[in-house]
């Protein structure tokens, strides 16, 4: 199994992106989609991290 690409993550870019989205007026559906995408991305990251550890 290949090692995780966690060291390539740049959280400040993600936060800047969210700040730019939130500065615009957004509807509730779009906000829910953003939250869902972030949740599933973090879940996938956590899963891969555990798989690479052998758990």
N, C-alpha and C. Protein backbone atom coordinates (compact mmCIF):
# COMPACT_ATOMS: atom_id res chain seq x y z
N UNK A 1 0.83 -1.17 0.00
CA UNK A 1 0.00 0.00 0.00
C UNK A 1 0.88 1.24 0.00
N UNK A 2 0.47 2.24 -0.76
CA UNK A 2 1.25 3.47 -0.85
C UNK A 2 1.01 4.36 0.37
N UNK A 3 2.02 5.13 0.74
CA UNK A 3 1.83 6.03 1.89
C UNK A 3 0.84 7.15 1.57
N UNK A 4 0.29 7.72 2.60
CA UNK A 4 -0.69 8.79 2.47
C UNK A 4 -0.03 10.07 1.96
N UNK A 5 -0.81 10.90 1.31
CA UNK A 5 -0.34 12.20 0.83
C UNK A 5 -0.67 13.31 1.83
N UNK A 6 -0.77 12.97 3.10
CA UNK A 6 -1.17 13.94 4.12
C UNK A 6 -0.20 15.10 4.22
N UNK A 7 1.07 14.86 3.94
CA UNK A 7 2.06 15.95 4.05
C UNK A 7 1.90 16.97 2.93
N UNK A 8 1.12 16.67 1.90
CA UNK A 8 0.90 17.61 0.81
C UNK A 8 -0.31 18.50 1.04
N UNK A 9 -1.06 18.27 2.13
CA UNK A 9 -2.25 19.08 2.41
C UNK A 9 -1.84 20.49 2.80
N UNK A 10 -2.62 21.44 2.35
CA UNK A 10 -2.38 22.84 2.67
C UNK A 10 -3.67 23.43 3.26
N UNK A 11 -3.85 23.31 4.58
CA UNK A 11 -5.12 23.74 5.18
C UNK A 11 -5.38 25.24 5.03
N UNK A 12 -4.33 26.07 4.96
CA UNK A 12 -4.57 27.50 4.82
C UNK A 12 -5.24 27.83 3.49
N UNK A 13 -4.94 27.07 2.43
CA UNK A 13 -5.62 27.30 1.15
C UNK A 13 -7.10 26.96 1.25
N UNK A 14 -7.42 25.88 1.95
CA UNK A 14 -8.81 25.49 2.13
C UNK A 14 -9.56 26.54 2.94
N UNK A 15 -8.95 27.02 4.01
CA UNK A 15 -9.60 28.05 4.83
C UNK A 15 -9.82 29.34 4.05
N UNK A 16 -8.84 29.73 3.24
CA UNK A 16 -9.00 30.92 2.41
C UNK A 16 -10.13 30.75 1.41
N UNK A 17 -10.25 29.55 0.86
CA UNK A 17 -11.34 29.26 -0.07
C UNK A 17 -12.70 29.39 0.61
N UNK A 18 -12.82 28.83 1.82
CA UNK A 18 -14.08 28.92 2.54
C UNK A 18 -14.40 30.36 2.91
N UNK A 19 -13.40 31.12 3.30
CA UNK A 19 -13.63 32.52 3.62
C UNK A 19 -14.13 33.29 2.41
N UNK A 20 -13.57 32.99 1.24
CA UNK A 20 -14.03 33.68 0.03
C UNK A 20 -15.47 33.28 -0.32
N UNK A 21 -15.82 32.01 -0.07
CA UNK A 21 -17.20 31.58 -0.32
C UNK A 21 -18.17 32.24 0.65
N UNK A 22 -17.78 32.32 1.90
CA UNK A 22 -18.67 32.88 2.91
C UNK A 22 -18.82 34.38 2.79
N UNK A 23 -17.90 35.05 2.14
CA UNK A 23 -18.02 36.49 1.97
C UNK A 23 -19.13 36.81 0.95
N UNK A 24 -19.41 35.88 0.04
CA UNK A 24 -20.51 36.05 -0.91
C UNK A 24 -21.79 35.56 -0.25
N UNK A 25 -22.90 36.01 -0.77
CA UNK A 25 -24.18 35.52 -0.22
C UNK A 25 -24.45 34.13 -0.78
N UNK A 26 -24.66 33.18 0.11
CA UNK A 26 -24.89 31.79 -0.28
C UNK A 26 -26.26 31.36 0.20
N UNK A 27 -26.85 30.43 -0.52
CA UNK A 27 -28.11 29.87 -0.06
C UNK A 27 -27.84 28.65 0.84
N UNK A 28 -28.88 28.21 1.53
CA UNK A 28 -28.74 27.15 2.52
C UNK A 28 -28.30 25.83 1.89
N UNK A 29 -28.78 25.52 0.71
CA UNK A 29 -28.44 24.26 0.04
C UNK A 29 -26.94 24.22 -0.26
N UNK A 30 -26.39 25.32 -0.74
CA UNK A 30 -24.97 25.35 -1.07
C UNK A 30 -24.12 25.18 0.18
N UNK A 31 -24.53 25.81 1.28
CA UNK A 31 -23.80 25.68 2.54
C UNK A 31 -23.84 24.23 3.03
N UNK A 32 -24.99 23.58 2.92
CA UNK A 32 -25.09 22.17 3.31
C UNK A 32 -24.20 21.28 2.46
N UNK A 33 -24.11 21.58 1.18
CA UNK A 33 -23.25 20.80 0.29
C UNK A 33 -21.78 20.98 0.66
N UNK A 34 -21.39 22.18 1.02
CA UNK A 34 -20.01 22.43 1.43
C UNK A 34 -19.70 21.63 2.70
N UNK A 35 -20.60 21.68 3.67
CA UNK A 35 -20.38 20.97 4.92
C UNK A 35 -20.29 19.47 4.66
N UNK A 36 -21.15 18.94 3.81
CA UNK A 36 -21.11 17.51 3.49
C UNK A 36 -19.81 17.13 2.81
N UNK A 37 -19.36 17.96 1.88
CA UNK A 37 -18.12 17.66 1.17
C UNK A 37 -16.93 17.67 2.12
N UNK A 38 -16.89 18.62 3.03
CA UNK A 38 -15.79 18.69 4.00
C UNK A 38 -15.84 17.48 4.93
N UNK A 39 -17.03 17.13 5.39
CA UNK A 39 -17.17 15.98 6.28
C UNK A 39 -16.67 14.71 5.61
N UNK A 40 -17.12 14.45 4.38
CA UNK A 40 -16.71 13.22 3.71
C UNK A 40 -15.23 13.24 3.34
N UNK A 41 -14.69 14.40 3.05
CA UNK A 41 -13.25 14.49 2.78
C UNK A 41 -12.45 14.14 4.02
N UNK A 42 -12.86 14.67 5.16
CA UNK A 42 -12.17 14.34 6.42
C UNK A 42 -12.34 12.88 6.78
N UNK A 43 -13.53 12.33 6.53
CA UNK A 43 -13.75 10.92 6.81
C UNK A 43 -12.86 10.05 5.93
N UNK A 44 -12.74 10.38 4.65
CA UNK A 44 -11.87 9.63 3.75
C UNK A 44 -10.41 9.74 4.17
N UNK A 45 -9.99 10.93 4.57
CA UNK A 45 -8.62 11.13 5.04
C UNK A 45 -8.35 10.26 6.27
N UNK A 46 -9.28 10.26 7.23
CA UNK A 46 -9.13 9.47 8.44
C UNK A 46 -9.08 7.98 8.09
N UNK A 47 -9.93 7.55 7.17
CA UNK A 47 -9.95 6.12 6.78
C UNK A 47 -8.63 5.70 6.16
N UNK A 48 -8.12 6.49 5.22
CA UNK A 48 -6.86 6.16 4.56
C UNK A 48 -5.71 6.16 5.57
N UNK A 49 -5.75 7.11 6.48
CA UNK A 49 -4.70 7.19 7.51
C UNK A 49 -4.71 5.91 8.35
N UNK A 50 -5.88 5.43 8.72
CA UNK A 50 -5.97 4.20 9.50
C UNK A 50 -5.58 2.98 8.69
N UNK A 51 -5.92 2.96 7.41
CA UNK A 51 -5.55 1.83 6.55
C UNK A 51 -4.03 1.77 6.42
N UNK A 52 -3.40 2.93 6.24
CA UNK A 52 -1.95 2.94 6.10
C UNK A 52 -1.25 2.51 7.39
N UNK A 53 -1.88 2.75 8.52
CA UNK A 53 -1.33 2.30 9.80
C UNK A 53 -1.54 0.81 10.01
N UNK A 54 -2.47 0.23 9.27
CA UNK A 54 -2.74 -1.20 9.41
C UNK A 54 -3.92 -1.51 10.30
N UNK A 55 -4.70 -0.49 10.66
CA UNK A 55 -5.89 -0.70 11.52
C UNK A 55 -7.07 -1.13 10.68
